[in-house]
Amino acid sequence: MTRIPDALAVASLDTHRLILAVPNQGPAEVACNLPRTVAADILRQIAATLEGPAGHCDTALATAAPCPVHDAPVSRPTGLDDLLATVADQLPDEEQQAPTDWVEDVRGALAFNEGEQHPAVTTLRDVLLDDAPRTPEQALAAALVILAAHTRELSALARRDTDEYRDEHGVNRGTRGLLTGMQHTRRLLDQHATGLDAQAAA
């Protein structure tokens, strides 16, 4: 009789870096968004963990010394090397992992972080934490997009400061020059942001 599982776990590369499924029959299946070298290191860590429960039994925990039973050298589990080799062969090449249009990914991240206090800085954090391989051209384009977004944040800050100053002091002979200068600075920031976006799209 076929056993029906009482629970089903759903995993995706949106929430996981490495997904490995080993069925009772048939080849293992692997999905990964890590560079091959990083994934290989993770697989080696898994292998080391599977080789024995060293240091985890009550004796080892109580004495802080290796347990003569559980920490004794053990043979490598049968088939582990073959399994790891099969999984490694299925890992995507680093060239295949870079998205076709990383700039759009960065723009999407900026839109997602729009509600944050500092959307550009938050997006920069996300980009720095993303360890997928990128080309120098992709990195430059992403930097230009984020810098353009930050420049627009500065323009919005200048606009708000100008409006608040006008509301508080009004427009007269004494304030007109300052307000004009502040508006000019805001326009320069907007123009600079547009230029940065154009460079990123080039």
Protein backbone atom coordinates (compact mmCIF):
# COMPACT_ATOMS: atom_id res chain seq x y z
CA MET A 1 0.00 0.00 0.00
CA THR A 2 1.30 3.45 -0.89
CA ARG A 3 1.77 5.67 2.13
CA ILE A 4 0.03 9.01 1.84
CA PRO A 5 1.99 11.82 3.52
CA ASP A 6 0.13 13.71 6.23
CA ALA A 7 1.88 16.98 5.42
CA LEU A 8 3.20 18.65 2.31
CA ALA A 9 5.92 21.29 2.35
CA VAL A 10 6.17 23.75 -0.53
CA ALA A 11 9.51 25.44 -1.12
CA SER A 12 10.50 28.03 -3.68
CA LEU A 13 13.69 29.86 -4.66
CA ASP A 14 11.95 33.04 -3.48
CA THR A 15 12.38 31.81 0.09
CA HIS A 16 15.17 29.20 -0.17
CA ARG A 17 18.69 29.23 -1.58
CA LEU A 18 19.09 25.50 -2.15
CA ILE A 19 16.28 22.97 -2.54
CA LEU A 20 17.21 19.29 -2.70
CA ALA A 21 14.70 16.46 -3.11
CA VAL A 22 15.84 12.84 -2.93
CA PRO A 23 12.97 10.44 -3.83
CA ASN A 24 12.90 6.79 -2.87
CA GLN A 25 13.29 6.00 -6.55
CA GLY A 26 14.69 8.01 -9.40
CA PRO A 27 17.28 10.79 -9.56
CA ALA A 28 17.64 13.58 -7.06
CA GLU A 29 16.23 16.95 -8.01
CA VAL A 30 17.94 20.22 -7.14
CA ALA A 31 17.05 23.88 -7.51
CA CYS A 32 19.58 26.53 -6.55
CA ASN A 33 20.18 30.26 -6.88
CA LEU A 34 23.68 30.18 -5.36
CA PRO A 35 27.03 30.19 -7.15
CA ARG A 36 28.31 26.66 -7.70
CA THR A 37 31.21 27.12 -5.26
CA VAL A 38 28.91 28.28 -2.45
CA ALA A 39 26.45 25.45 -3.08
CA ALA A 40 29.30 22.95 -3.08
CA ASP A 41 30.46 24.24 0.32
CA ILE A 42 26.93 23.80 1.69
CA LEU A 43 26.78 20.24 0.38
CA ARG A 44 30.11 19.48 2.04
CA GLN A 45 28.73 20.82 5.34
CA ILE A 46 25.69 18.59 4.94
CA ALA A 47 27.94 15.61 4.29
CA ALA A 48 30.00 16.36 7.40
CA THR A 49 26.82 16.54 9.48
CA LEU A 50 25.50 13.27 8.10
CA GLU A 51 28.74 11.43 8.78
CA GLY A 52 28.08 11.30 12.51
CA PRO A 53 26.44 13.06 15.48
CA ALA A 54 29.83 14.05 16.89
CA GLY A 55 29.60 16.08 20.06
CA HIS A 56 25.81 15.92 20.33
CA CYS A 57 25.20 13.00 22.69
CA ASP A 58 24.63 13.44 26.44
CA THR A 59 28.13 12.19 27.29
CA ALA A 60 29.84 14.69 25.01
CA LEU A 61 27.67 17.55 26.22
CA ALA A 62 28.22 16.66 29.89
CA THR A 63 32.00 16.14 29.70
CA ALA A 64 32.82 18.58 26.90
CA ALA A 65 34.99 15.78 25.51
CA PRO A 66 34.50 13.47 22.52
CA CYS A 67 32.25 10.52 23.24
CA PRO A 68 34.07 7.19 22.68
CA VAL A 69 30.91 5.74 21.11
CA HIS A 70 29.26 8.49 19.11
CA ASP A 71 32.42 10.38 18.17
CA ALA A 72 34.32 7.33 17.04
CA PRO A 73 35.35 7.39 13.36
CA VAL A 74 32.57 6.09 11.15
CA SER A 75 32.49 5.10 7.55
CA ARG A 76 30.94 7.50 5.08
CA PRO A 77 27.25 6.64 4.46
CA THR A 78 26.78 4.40 1.44
CA GLY A 79 25.87 6.35 -1.65
CA LEU A 80 26.57 9.79 -0.14
CA ASP A 81 29.41 10.56 -2.54
CA ASP A 82 27.32 9.50 -5.53
CA LEU A 83 24.41 11.61 -4.33
CA LEU A 84 26.56 14.71 -3.82
CA ALA A 85 28.18 14.24 -7.23
CA THR A 86 24.75 13.95 -8.87
CA VAL A 87 23.51 17.09 -7.11
CA ALA A 88 26.67 19.02 -8.04
CA ASP A 89 26.19 18.10 -11.70
CA GLN A 90 22.67 19.56 -11.59
CA LEU A 91 23.72 22.89 -10.10
CA PRO A 92 23.35 25.73 -12.60
CA ASP A 93 26.47 27.29 -14.05
CA GLU A 94 27.30 30.73 -12.68
CA GLU A 95 26.81 32.21 -16.15
CA GLN A 96 23.22 31.00 -16.12
CA GLN A 97 22.36 32.60 -12.81
CA ALA A 98 22.69 36.27 -13.72
CA PRO A 99 19.27 37.66 -14.67
CA THR A 100 18.85 39.01 -18.18
CA ASP A 101 17.92 42.48 -16.92
CA TRP A 102 19.21 43.21 -13.44
CA VAL A 103 18.36 46.91 -13.80
CA GLU A 104 14.65 46.03 -13.89
CA ASP A 105 15.15 43.90 -10.77
CA VAL A 106 16.69 46.91 -9.00
CA ARG A 107 13.86 49.18 -10.16
CA GLY A 108 11.38 46.63 -8.86
CA ALA A 109 13.17 46.58 -5.51
CA LEU A 110 13.01 50.39 -5.36
CA ALA A 111 9.28 50.28 -5.99
CA PHE A 112 8.87 47.59 -3.33
CA ASN A 113 10.84 49.67 -0.79
CA GLU A 114 9.01 52.90 -1.62
CA GLY A 115 7.28 52.92 1.75
CA GLU A 116 10.56 52.72 3.67
CA GLN A 117 12.11 55.78 5.29
CA HIS A 118 15.08 55.64 2.90
CA PRO A 119 14.07 53.56 -0.16
CA ALA A 120 17.37 54.01 -2.01
CA VAL A 121 19.48 52.99 0.97
CA THR A 122 17.20 50.03 1.71
CA THR A 123 17.50 48.89 -1.90
CA LEU A 124 21.26 49.31 -1.78
CA ARG A 125 21.30 47.03 1.26
CA ASP A 126 19.29 44.42 -0.63
CA VAL A 127 21.61 44.61 -3.62
CA LEU A 128 24.71 44.23 -1.45
CA LEU A 129 23.20 41.17 0.23
CA ASP A 130 22.41 39.55 -3.13
CA ASP A 131 25.38 37.27 -3.83
CA ALA A 132 24.35 36.19 -7.33
CA PRO A 133 27.14 36.77 -9.88
CA ARG A 134 26.92 40.03 -11.83
CA THR A 135 28.90 41.58 -14.63
CA PRO A 136 30.64 44.95 -14.12
CA GLU A 137 28.15 46.50 -16.56
CA GLN A 138 25.20 45.22 -14.52
CA ALA A 139 26.75 46.51 -11.29
CA LEU A 140 27.34 49.95 -12.82
CA ALA A 141 23.78 50.17 -14.15
CA ALA A 142 22.37 49.17 -10.76
CA ALA A 143 24.53 51.78 -9.02
CA LEU A 144 23.29 54.49 -11.40
CA VAL A 145 19.65 53.55 -10.83
CA ILE A 146 20.04 53.61 -7.05
CA LEU A 147 21.96 56.90 -7.15
CA ALA A 148 19.22 58.42 -9.34
CA ALA A 149 16.61 57.32 -6.81
CA HIS A 150 18.60 58.85 -3.95
CA THR A 151 18.99 62.09 -5.92
CA ARG A 152 15.22 62.24 -6.34
CA GLU A 153 14.87 61.76 -2.59
CA LEU A 154 17.12 64.82 -2.11
CA SER A 155 15.02 66.76 -4.63
CA ALA A 156 11.84 65.89 -2.73
CA LEU A 157 13.51 67.03 0.49
CA ALA A 158 14.48 70.34 -1.14
CA ARG A 159 10.92 70.80 -2.43
CA ARG A 160 9.47 70.18 1.03
CA ASP A 161 11.95 72.57 2.63
CA THR A 162 11.10 75.24 0.04
CA ASP A 163 7.37 74.84 0.61
CA GLU A 164 7.72 75.01 4.38
CA TYR A 165 9.91 78.13 4.17
CA ARG A 166 7.41 79.80 1.81
CA ASP A 167 4.50 78.94 4.11
CA GLU A 168 6.32 80.30 7.15
CA HIS A 169 7.87 83.48 5.69
CA GLY A 170 5.78 84.19 2.60
CA VAL A 171 7.04 85.54 -0.71
CA ASN A 172 8.44 89.08 -0.50
CA ARG A 173 11.49 91.06 -1.55
CA GLY A 174 13.50 89.54 1.29
CA THR A 175 12.63 85.88 0.63
CA ARG A 176 12.16 85.78 -3.16
CA GLY A 177 15.87 85.36 -3.92
CA LEU A 178 16.31 82.50 -1.45
CA LEU A 179 13.18 80.70 -2.68
CA THR A 180 14.32 81.05 -6.28
CA GLY A 181 17.71 79.60 -5.41
CA MET A 182 16.13 76.67 -3.59
CA GLN A 183 13.86 75.93 -6.55
CA HIS A 184 16.85 76.09 -8.90
CA THR A 185 18.71 73.55 -6.74
CA ARG A 186 15.71 71.23 -6.83
CA ARG A 187 15.54 71.44 -10.64
CA LEU A 188 19.25 70.65 -10.89
CA LEU A 189 18.74 67.55 -8.73
CA ASP A 190 15.83 66.41 -10.92
CA GLN A 191 17.92 66.90 -14.07
CA HIS A 192 20.83 65.01 -12.55
CA ALA A 193 18.58 62.10 -11.59
CA THR A 194 17.19 61.97 -15.14
CA GLY A 195 20.74 61.91 -16.52
CA LEU A 196 21.74 59.06 -14.23
CA ASP A 197 18.71 57.04 -15.32
CA ALA A 198 19.61 57.66 -18.96
CA GLN A 199 23.16 56.38 -18.37
CA ALA A 200 21.78 53.24 -16.71
CA ALA A 201 19.55 52.55 -19.71
CA ALA A 202 22.31 53.14 -22.24
